[in-house]
């Protein structure tokens, strides 16, 4: 009898440990891929291989996911992951904007969010503009969510958009690589970690019986990751393009 109780408690502790480890991996795993890219930009003082639209995609996706949580109280680690990811994207934006300003040979007119010039959307020259835009988005999203929180179809749409937007994360980087016919400046480690992390997330969603939107969009995200890895192989002998496209 005592052996049975001991084994039962051991299994319970082991399952708790696995669940805790998986939850921790979900929270920090999404951030880890950006560490090598951050270090590479800081070391080379060249942010042009990294698309800032990746940051926009993740900021929008994770903000929508946070709003969706107020309707569908999914697991807390997924909510914490969204908050941590938003903070990480702001760190990436801050570094890229700072490096670009330092690298500017000639002083040009600042492009800021307050100008409301759509030609320079998400290509502003100061970090505050990116923060201002997201503050406006957060405020508008929170107000609409508060008013329509009990409208089920609307909140389900918010959840789908959150996950679909995140699933399309690799699209800006894929298009940038395709346009430049080069992956120079892009951290290979970041893409490999993207792929491994997204595979883990998708398996986690299925195992934890998360809402259907989670694992469907996770599968799409893994597909895009693999497409970028294929680009790395195809463009492996190509150098960085002379005419770099800024603002993305």
Protein backbone atom coordinates (compact mmCIF):
# COMPACT_ATOMS: atom_id res chain seq x y z
CA UNK A 1 0.00 0.00 0.00
CA UNK A 2 2.78 2.41 0.97
CA UNK A 3 4.68 1.55 -2.22
CA UNK A 4 1.56 2.29 -4.27
CA UNK A 5 1.11 5.69 -2.61
CA UNK A 6 4.81 6.49 -3.09
CA UNK A 7 4.69 5.58 -6.79
CA UNK A 8 1.51 7.58 -7.26
CA UNK A 9 3.08 10.63 -5.63
CA UNK A 10 6.25 10.18 -7.71
CA UNK A 11 4.21 10.08 -10.93
CA UNK A 12 2.31 13.18 -9.82
CA UNK A 13 5.55 15.05 -9.09
CA UNK A 14 7.04 13.95 -12.40
CA UNK A 15 3.98 15.10 -14.36
CA UNK A 16 4.10 18.43 -12.52
CA UNK A 17 7.76 18.82 -13.43
CA UNK A 18 7.08 18.09 -17.11
CA UNK A 19 4.15 20.52 -17.16
CA UNK A 20 6.22 23.23 -15.46
CA UNK A 21 9.13 22.69 -17.85
CA UNK A 22 6.84 22.85 -20.89
CA UNK A 23 5.20 26.04 -19.61
CA UNK A 24 8.60 27.66 -19.00
CA UNK A 25 9.75 26.64 -22.47
CA UNK A 26 6.63 28.24 -23.94
CA UNK A 27 7.31 31.53 -22.15
CA UNK A 28 11.02 31.92 -22.92
CA UNK A 29 11.28 29.76 -26.02
CA UNK A 30 9.75 32.38 -28.29
CA UNK A 31 12.29 34.99 -27.17
CA UNK A 32 15.45 32.91 -27.52
CA UNK A 33 15.57 33.00 -31.37
CA UNK A 34 16.02 36.78 -31.28
CA UNK A 35 19.07 36.65 -29.00
CA UNK A 36 21.55 35.71 -31.80
CA UNK A 37 19.96 38.28 -34.16
CA UNK A 38 20.22 40.98 -31.48
CA UNK A 39 23.87 40.11 -30.83
CA UNK A 40 24.64 40.06 -34.55
CA UNK A 41 23.14 43.52 -35.12
CA UNK A 42 24.97 44.90 -32.10
CA UNK A 43 28.28 43.36 -33.21
CA UNK A 44 28.10 44.33 -36.89
CA UNK A 45 26.19 47.59 -36.39
CA UNK A 46 24.14 46.55 -39.42
CA UNK A 47 20.37 46.00 -38.92
CA UNK A 48 19.46 45.71 -42.60
CA UNK A 49 19.29 41.91 -42.68
CA UNK A 50 16.46 41.96 -40.14
CA UNK A 51 12.98 43.11 -41.15
CA UNK A 52 11.29 45.40 -38.64
CA UNK A 53 7.98 44.17 -40.04
CA UNK A 54 8.70 41.01 -38.05
CA UNK A 55 8.44 43.16 -34.91
CA UNK A 56 5.20 44.76 -36.14
CA UNK A 57 3.70 41.35 -36.89
CA UNK A 58 4.52 39.99 -33.43
CA UNK A 59 3.41 43.13 -31.59
CA UNK A 60 0.02 43.06 -33.32
CA UNK A 61 -0.39 39.29 -32.95
CA UNK A 62 0.50 39.19 -29.26
CA UNK A 63 -1.61 42.24 -28.43
CA UNK A 64 -4.62 40.58 -30.06
CA UNK A 65 -3.85 37.37 -28.19
CA UNK A 66 -3.83 39.27 -24.88
CA UNK A 67 -7.22 40.79 -25.74
CA UNK A 68 -8.52 37.33 -26.73
CA UNK A 69 -7.54 36.03 -23.28
CA UNK A 70 -10.26 38.14 -21.67
CA UNK A 71 -12.83 36.10 -23.61
CA UNK A 72 -11.20 32.65 -23.71
CA UNK A 73 -9.11 32.16 -20.58
CA UNK A 74 -6.51 29.94 -22.21
CA UNK A 75 -3.43 28.80 -20.28
CA UNK A 76 -1.56 31.45 -18.32
CA UNK A 77 1.88 30.61 -19.84
CA UNK A 78 0.53 31.59 -23.28
CA UNK A 79 -0.59 34.94 -21.89
CA UNK A 80 2.76 35.57 -20.18
CA UNK A 81 4.55 34.58 -23.40
CA UNK A 82 2.68 37.32 -25.28
CA UNK A 83 3.71 39.97 -22.74
CA UNK A 84 7.35 38.86 -22.78
CA UNK A 85 7.38 38.78 -26.59
CA UNK A 86 6.07 42.34 -26.83
CA UNK A 87 8.85 43.56 -24.55
CA UNK A 88 11.42 41.67 -26.65
CA UNK A 89 10.17 43.26 -29.88
CA UNK A 90 10.55 46.72 -28.39
CA UNK A 91 14.15 45.88 -27.51
CA UNK A 92 14.77 44.80 -31.12
CA UNK A 93 13.18 47.97 -32.49
CA UNK A 94 15.15 50.18 -30.11
CA UNK A 95 18.43 48.61 -31.19
CA UNK A 96 17.66 48.80 -34.93
CA UNK A 97 16.55 52.46 -34.76
CA UNK A 98 19.59 53.40 -32.69
CA UNK A 99 22.02 51.69 -35.08
CA UNK A 100 20.39 53.24 -38.14
CA UNK A 101 20.62 56.72 -36.65
CA UNK A 102 24.27 56.18 -35.76
CA UNK A 103 25.02 54.89 -39.27
CA UNK A 104 23.34 57.81 -41.05
CA UNK A 105 25.99 59.64 -43.08
CA UNK A 106 23.85 62.72 -43.65
CA UNK A 107 21.35 64.19 -41.25
CA UNK A 108 17.88 63.90 -42.77
CA UNK A 109 14.49 65.12 -41.64
CA UNK A 110 13.08 63.00 -38.84
CA UNK A 111 10.10 60.85 -39.78
CA UNK A 112 7.80 60.44 -36.80
CA UNK A 113 4.42 58.91 -36.08
CA UNK A 114 2.91 62.31 -35.27
CA UNK A 115 3.37 63.35 -38.93
CA UNK A 116 0.68 60.79 -39.89
CA UNK A 117 2.46 60.27 -43.20
CA UNK A 118 1.49 56.81 -44.43
CA UNK A 119 4.51 56.70 -46.76
CA UNK A 120 6.75 56.23 -43.75
CA UNK A 121 4.57 53.93 -41.71
CA UNK A 122 6.78 51.68 -39.57
CA UNK A 123 9.85 53.38 -41.04
CA UNK A 124 10.09 56.12 -38.45
CA UNK A 125 13.44 57.46 -37.34
CA UNK A 126 12.81 57.53 -33.59
CA UNK A 127 11.88 54.77 -31.14
CA UNK A 128 9.16 56.87 -29.48
CA UNK A 129 7.08 56.78 -32.66
CA UNK A 130 6.91 52.97 -32.59
CA UNK A 131 5.87 53.09 -28.95
CA UNK A 132 3.25 55.79 -29.65
CA UNK A 133 1.68 53.75 -32.43
CA UNK A 134 1.40 50.67 -30.24
CA UNK A 135 -0.08 52.72 -27.38
CA UNK A 136 -2.80 53.94 -29.75
CA UNK A 137 -3.39 50.38 -30.98
CA UNK A 138 -3.56 49.05 -27.42
CA UNK A 139 -6.02 51.74 -26.34
CA UNK A 140 -8.28 51.24 -29.36
CA UNK A 141 -8.14 47.45 -29.02
CA UNK A 142 -8.94 47.55 -25.31
CA UNK A 143 -11.92 49.88 -25.87
CA UNK A 144 -13.43 47.74 -28.63
CA UNK A 145 -12.83 44.53 -26.65
CA UNK A 146 -14.54 46.04 -23.59
CA UNK A 147 -17.61 46.97 -25.66
CA UNK A 148 -17.85 43.66 -27.56
CA UNK A 149 -16.49 41.23 -24.98
CA UNK A 150 -19.77 39.30 -24.84
CA UNK A 151 -20.10 39.05 -28.62
CA UNK A 152 -18.78 35.54 -29.17
CA UNK A 153 -18.22 35.69 -32.96
CA UNK A 154 -16.23 38.92 -32.60
CA UNK A 155 -13.94 37.56 -29.89
CA UNK A 156 -13.45 34.33 -31.85
CA UNK A 157 -12.40 36.48 -34.81
CA UNK A 158 -9.93 38.36 -32.60
CA UNK A 159 -8.44 35.04 -31.51
CA UNK A 160 -8.13 33.82 -35.08
CA UNK A 161 -6.55 37.09 -36.25
CA UNK A 162 -4.06 36.96 -33.36
CA UNK A 163 -2.88 33.49 -34.26
CA UNK A 164 -3.06 33.94 -38.04
CA UNK A 165 -1.00 37.14 -37.80
CA UNK A 166 1.63 35.33 -35.76
CA UNK A 167 1.53 32.42 -38.21
CA UNK A 168 2.46 34.87 -40.97
CA UNK A 169 5.47 36.05 -38.95
CA UNK A 170 8.00 34.77 -41.44
CA UNK A 171 6.33 36.44 -44.44
CA UNK A 172 8.15 39.84 -44.20
CA UNK A 173 11.50 38.08 -43.87
CA UNK A 174 10.64 35.65 -46.68
CA UNK A 175 9.64 38.49 -49.04
CA UNK A 176 12.72 40.52 -48.11
CA UNK A 177 14.99 37.57 -48.86
CA UNK A 178 13.18 36.91 -52.14
CA UNK A 179 13.40 40.55 -53.22
CA UNK A 180 17.08 40.84 -52.36
CA UNK A 181 17.89 37.31 -53.58
CA UNK A 182 20.04 37.09 -50.47
CA UNK A 183 19.80 36.14 -46.80
CA UNK A 184 22.94 38.10 -45.85
CA UNK A 185 22.57 39.81 -42.48
CA UNK A 186 19.84 37.44 -41.33
CA UNK A 187 20.79 35.23 -38.41
CA UNK A 188 20.65 31.57 -39.44
CA UNK A 189 20.46 30.64 -35.76
CA UNK A 190 17.33 32.77 -35.42
CA UNK A 191 15.52 30.93 -38.23
CA UNK A 192 16.55 27.48 -36.95
CA UNK A 193 15.31 28.42 -33.48
CA UNK A 194 12.12 29.80 -35.03
CA UNK A 195 11.50 26.44 -36.66
CA UNK A 196 12.26 24.32 -33.60
CA UNK A 197 10.25 26.62 -31.36
CA UNK A 198 7.23 26.63 -33.67
CA UNK A 199 7.30 22.84 -33.93
CA UNK A 200 7.37 22.65 -30.12
CA UNK A 201 4.51 25.16 -29.84
CA UNK A 202 2.33 23.27 -32.30
CA UNK A 203 2.88 19.97 -30.49
CA UNK A 204 2.18 21.75 -27.18
CA UNK A 205 -1.09 23.17 -28.54
CA UNK A 206 -2.26 19.74 -29.68
CA UNK A 207 -1.18 17.99 -26.48
CA UNK A 208 -2.83 20.59 -24.25
CA UNK A 209 -5.99 20.62 -26.38
CA UNK A 210 -5.73 24.35 -27.02
CA UNK A 211 -8.45 25.99 -29.17
CA UNK A 212 -8.32 24.84 -32.79
CA UNK A 213 -6.99 28.21 -34.02
CA UNK A 214 -3.76 27.63 -32.11
CA UNK A 215 -2.60 24.41 -33.74
CA UNK A 216 -3.86 25.23 -37.25
CA UNK A 217 -1.93 28.50 -37.30
CA UNK A 218 1.05 26.80 -35.65
CA UNK A 219 1.24 24.37 -38.58
CA UNK A 220 1.18 27.29 -41.05
CA UNK A 221 3.98 28.98 -39.10
CA UNK A 222 6.19 25.90 -39.29
CA UNK A 223 5.62 25.77 -43.06
CA UNK A 224 6.84 29.35 -43.48
CA UNK A 225 9.89 28.65 -41.32
CA UNK A 226 10.84 25.75 -43.58
CA UNK A 227 10.36 27.97 -46.65
CA UNK A 228 12.88 30.48 -45.22
CA UNK A 229 15.35 27.67 -44.51
CA UNK A 230 15.02 26.65 -48.16
CA UNK A 231 15.84 30.25 -49.13
CA UNK A 232 18.99 30.06 -47.03
CA UNK A 233 20.09 27.07 -49.11
CA UNK A 234 19.11 28.60 -52.47
CA UNK A 235 20.75 31.99 -51.79
CA UNK A 236 23.71 30.62 -49.83
CA UNK A 237 26.27 31.87 -52.41
CA UNK A 238 24.68 35.31 -52.90
CA UNK A 239 26.18 38.34 -51.16
CA UNK A 240 24.23 41.23 -49.65
CA UNK A 241 22.48 43.43 -52.25
CA UNK A 242 23.92 46.84 -52.98
CA UNK A 243 20.58 48.62 -52.83
CA UNK A 244 19.20 47.84 -49.41
CA UNK A 245 15.50 48.45 -48.88
CA UNK A 246 14.99 50.39 -45.69
CA UNK A 247 11.95 50.56 -43.51
CA UNK A 248 11.03 46.90 -43.50
